[in-house]
Amino acid sequence: MAHKHDVYVSTGDWAEHLRGKGPSAFKEYIEECKHLGFDTIELNVGSLGIPEETLLRFVRLIKSDGMKAKPQFTLKINRSDIPIGGDRAFGAYIVPQPQTYEMVEDVDLLIRRAERCLEAGADMIMIDADDVCKYADSVRADVIAKVIGRLGLEKTMFEASSAQTSEWFIKHYGPKVNLFVDHSQVMDLECLRGRNLGKNHTSVLGSSYFLF
């Protein structure tokens, strides 16, 4: 049904359930997703908790099977996951650091890792709403501008969680900005996009409320 209307189907965060199931589990997961008709496999980097080398390998495996890869990043990461002495070249050995529960902001590291995912073949980068755009009155315009400036509007998708946030994105970045929306709110979002394209659309629900 989705494919008949040119809608792609994505997996969500199912991949995180494969942790600890052996090296062949992810390959089998890709094959099963393809068999079921999915188009895109999401990789929630925070939930997976895997080394960057493994993440990039997963991206390449997804692409080699003819599917789309969409890694999802959060602004805050565990301090112990930040390489000592700054970022490092891909494949370089890094001494493991003791895990901590301290979460820190590092937008530059997020962008560099996202860039490497794109270089490995990822089709889209998802940015988690937490600490970036979860609430309309605290949208991190500086972070969003930096991410879009480095990764590009076409390759970046933002998760949001309120009507005001969606309007903020479309006001600042136009109707073609990629937003992650709940399926029940797609029509409202498209009406909002249409109004910003000069079309005389009205919400099918008679409201301008959009849930992301």
Protein backbone atom coordinates (compact mmCIF):
# COMPACT_ATOMS: atom_id res chain seq x y z
CA MET A 1 0.00 0.00 0.00
CA ALA A 2 2.75 2.47 0.96
CA HIS A 3 4.80 1.73 -2.15
CA LYS A 4 1.76 2.28 -4.40
CA HIS A 5 1.68 5.86 -3.14
CA ASP A 6 5.46 6.43 -3.35
CA VAL A 7 5.91 6.24 0.44
CA TYR A 8 9.06 4.56 1.72
CA VAL A 9 8.87 2.26 4.74
CA SER A 10 11.44 2.47 7.54
CA THR A 11 12.17 0.01 10.33
CA GLY A 12 12.42 2.19 13.42
CA ASP A 13 14.77 1.16 16.24
CA TRP A 14 14.47 -2.62 15.86
CA ALA A 15 18.18 -3.06 15.16
CA GLU A 16 19.05 -2.45 18.82
CA HIS A 17 17.52 -5.82 19.71
CA LEU A 18 20.36 -7.55 17.82
CA ARG A 19 23.07 -6.61 20.30
CA GLY A 20 24.92 -9.67 21.55
CA LYS A 21 23.38 -12.05 18.99
CA GLY A 22 26.54 -12.72 17.02
CA PRO A 23 28.20 -11.31 13.88
CA SER A 24 25.72 -12.86 11.43
CA ALA A 25 22.59 -11.52 13.16
CA PHE A 26 22.67 -8.10 11.49
CA LYS A 27 23.08 -9.57 8.01
CA GLU A 28 20.09 -11.82 8.65
CA TYR A 29 18.15 -8.82 9.95
CA ILE A 30 18.82 -6.89 6.73
CA GLU A 31 17.68 -9.82 4.60
CA GLU A 32 14.48 -10.20 6.65
CA CYS A 33 13.71 -6.47 6.40
CA LYS A 34 14.19 -6.60 2.64
CA HIS A 35 11.96 -9.68 2.37
CA LEU A 36 9.20 -7.91 4.34
CA GLY A 37 9.30 -4.94 1.99
CA PHE A 38 11.11 -2.33 4.07
CA ASP A 39 13.07 0.31 2.16
CA THR A 40 15.14 1.92 4.92
CA ILE A 41 16.91 0.57 8.00
CA GLU A 42 17.37 2.98 10.88
CA LEU A 43 20.44 2.77 13.11
CA ASN A 44 19.96 4.52 16.45
CA VAL A 45 23.59 5.15 17.31
CA GLY A 46 22.88 5.92 20.96
CA SER A 47 20.79 2.80 21.55
CA LEU A 48 23.07 0.43 19.65
CA GLY A 49 26.15 1.39 21.65
CA ILE A 50 28.56 0.07 19.02
CA PRO A 51 32.02 1.29 17.92
CA GLU A 52 32.13 3.62 14.94
CA GLU A 53 33.85 0.98 12.80
CA THR A 54 30.91 -1.37 13.40
CA LEU A 55 28.40 1.38 12.61
CA LEU A 56 30.08 2.10 9.28
CA ARG A 57 30.21 -1.62 8.49
CA PHE A 58 26.46 -1.84 9.16
CA VAL A 59 25.85 1.08 6.79
CA ARG A 60 27.84 -0.66 4.04
CA LEU A 61 26.03 -3.97 4.62
CA ILE A 62 22.66 -2.23 4.30
CA LYS A 63 23.71 -0.53 1.07
CA SER A 64 25.20 -3.71 -0.39
CA ASP A 65 21.76 -5.33 -0.10
CA GLY A 66 20.16 -2.48 -2.03
CA MET A 67 18.46 -0.81 0.94
CA LYS A 68 18.71 2.69 2.39
CA ALA A 69 20.57 3.43 5.63
CA LYS A 70 19.50 6.13 8.09
CA PRO A 71 21.73 6.54 11.18
CA GLN A 72 20.22 8.53 14.04
CA PHE A 73 22.40 10.72 16.27
CA THR A 74 21.81 12.55 19.53
CA LEU A 75 23.48 15.81 20.55
CA LYS A 76 24.60 14.48 23.94
CA ILE A 77 26.90 11.49 24.18
CA ASN A 78 28.66 9.61 26.95
CA ARG A 79 31.89 11.41 27.86
CA SER A 80 33.77 8.11 27.71
CA ASP A 81 32.85 7.78 24.02
CA ILE A 82 34.74 10.96 23.09
CA PRO A 83 38.23 10.14 21.78
CA ILE A 84 41.00 11.58 23.95
CA GLY A 85 42.93 14.28 22.12
CA GLY A 86 40.09 15.07 19.76
CA ASP A 87 38.68 13.09 16.87
CA ARG A 88 40.63 10.32 15.22
CA ALA A 89 41.09 8.87 11.77
CA PHE A 90 38.83 5.96 10.86
CA GLY A 91 40.41 2.64 11.79
CA ALA A 92 42.95 4.08 14.22
CA TYR A 93 43.27 2.19 17.50
CA ILE A 94 41.87 3.91 20.55
CA VAL A 95 42.42 2.77 24.10
CA PRO A 96 39.02 1.89 25.64
CA GLN A 97 37.96 4.28 28.38
CA PRO A 98 35.97 3.34 31.49
CA GLN A 99 32.25 3.87 30.93
CA THR A 100 30.70 6.78 32.79
CA TYR A 101 27.19 8.13 33.18
CA GLU A 102 28.22 11.69 32.34
CA MET A 103 26.54 12.99 29.19
CA VAL A 104 28.12 15.93 27.37
CA GLU A 105 27.29 18.00 24.29
CA ASP A 106 29.55 17.69 21.25
CA VAL A 107 27.94 18.87 18.03
CA ASP A 108 31.25 18.83 16.14
CA LEU A 109 31.82 15.15 16.92
CA LEU A 110 28.22 14.38 15.96
CA ILE A 111 28.73 16.08 12.60
CA ARG A 112 32.06 14.38 11.88
CA ARG A 113 30.59 10.95 12.61
CA ALA A 114 27.55 11.75 10.49
CA GLU A 115 29.83 12.84 7.65
CA ARG A 116 31.66 9.51 7.80
CA CYS A 117 28.32 7.69 7.66
CA LEU A 118 27.41 9.66 4.54
CA GLU A 119 30.79 8.82 3.03
CA ALA A 120 30.09 5.14 3.76
CA GLY A 121 26.83 5.41 1.81
CA ALA A 122 24.16 6.48 4.32
CA ASP A 123 21.18 8.08 2.60
CA MET A 124 19.93 10.28 5.43
CA ILE A 125 21.07 11.42 8.88
CA MET A 126 18.40 11.66 11.57
CA ILE A 127 18.90 14.12 14.43
CA ASP A 128 17.14 13.19 17.67
CA ALA A 129 14.83 15.84 19.13
CA ASP A 130 16.26 15.63 22.65
CA ASP A 131 18.33 18.71 23.54
CA VAL A 132 17.86 20.12 20.02
CA CYS A 133 14.23 20.71 19.07
CA LYS A 134 11.97 18.83 21.47
CA TYR A 135 10.27 22.00 22.70
CA ALA A 136 9.40 24.99 20.53
CA ASP A 137 10.47 27.51 23.17
CA SER A 138 13.96 26.01 23.43
CA VAL A 139 14.89 25.14 19.84
CA ARG A 140 18.68 25.10 19.44
CA ALA A 141 18.87 27.25 16.33
CA ASP A 142 22.67 27.38 16.55
CA VAL A 143 23.02 23.58 16.56
CA ILE A 144 20.50 23.13 13.76
CA ALA A 145 22.21 25.74 11.58
CA LYS A 146 25.61 24.10 12.12
CA VAL A 147 24.30 20.63 11.28
CA ILE A 148 22.54 21.80 8.12
CA GLY A 149 25.53 23.93 7.14
CA ARG A 150 27.85 20.90 7.24
CA LEU A 151 25.58 18.03 6.20
CA GLY A 152 23.15 19.84 3.90
CA LEU A 153 19.38 20.15 4.07
CA GLU A 154 18.75 17.27 1.67
CA LYS A 155 20.64 14.69 3.74
CA THR A 156 19.38 15.73 7.20
CA MET A 157 16.13 14.84 8.94
CA PHE A 158 15.04 16.33 12.26
CA GLU A 159 12.84 14.65 14.81
CA ALA A 160 10.45 17.09 16.48
CA SER A 161 7.61 16.86 18.98
CA SER A 162 5.24 19.83 18.70
CA ALA A 163 3.21 21.88 16.24
CA GLN A 164 5.21 25.00 17.04
CA THR A 165 8.47 23.19 16.33
CA SER A 166 7.31 22.08 12.89
CA GLU A 167 6.26 25.62 12.05
CA TRP A 168 9.65 26.89 13.24
CA PHE A 169 11.49 24.53 10.89
CA ILE A 170 9.36 25.37 7.87
CA LYS A 171 9.55 29.09 8.59
CA HIS A 172 13.36 29.04 8.81
CA TYR A 173 14.27 26.31 6.29
CA GLY A 174 11.32 26.14 3.92
CA PRO A 175 8.70 23.51 3.11
CA LYS A 176 11.26 20.98 1.85
CA VAL A 177 12.97 20.51 5.23
CA ASN A 178 12.94 16.83 6.26
CA LEU A 179 10.92 16.24 9.43
CA PHE A 180 10.21 12.99 11.24
CA VAL A 181 6.46 12.83 11.86
CA ASP A 182 3.98 10.42 13.40
CA HIS A 183 2.00 8.74 10.61
CA SER A 184 -1.29 10.04 12.01
CA GLN A 185 -0.14 13.64 11.49
CA VAL A 186 1.20 13.45 7.94
CA MET A 187 -1.81 15.21 6.39
CA ASP A 188 -1.54 18.16 8.76
CA LEU A 189 2.15 18.53 8.03
CA GLU A 190 1.57 18.44 4.28
CA CYS A 191 -1.11 21.11 4.63
CA LEU A 192 1.42 23.28 6.46
CA ARG A 193 3.99 22.67 3.73
CA GLY A 194 1.37 23.52 1.10
CA ARG A 195 0.55 26.85 2.69
CA ASN A 196 4.22 27.74 2.61
CA LEU A 197 4.34 26.81 -1.07
CA GLY A 198 1.51 29.24 -1.79
CA LYS A 199 -1.21 26.59 -2.07
CA ASN A 200 -4.59 27.20 -0.50
CA HIS A 201 -4.68 24.10 1.71
CA THR A 202 -6.54 23.69 4.99
CA SER A 203 -5.98 21.10 7.69
CA VAL A 204 -8.15 18.01 7.32
CA LEU A 205 -8.57 18.12 11.09
CA GLY A 206 -9.52 21.77 11.20
CA SER A 207 -6.50 22.49 13.36
CA SER A 208 -2.89 23.55 12.96
CA TYR A 209 -1.68 21.08 15.59
CA PHE A 210 1.00 18.67 14.42
CA LEU A 211 2.41 15.88 16.58
CA PHE A 212 5.99 14.86 15.80
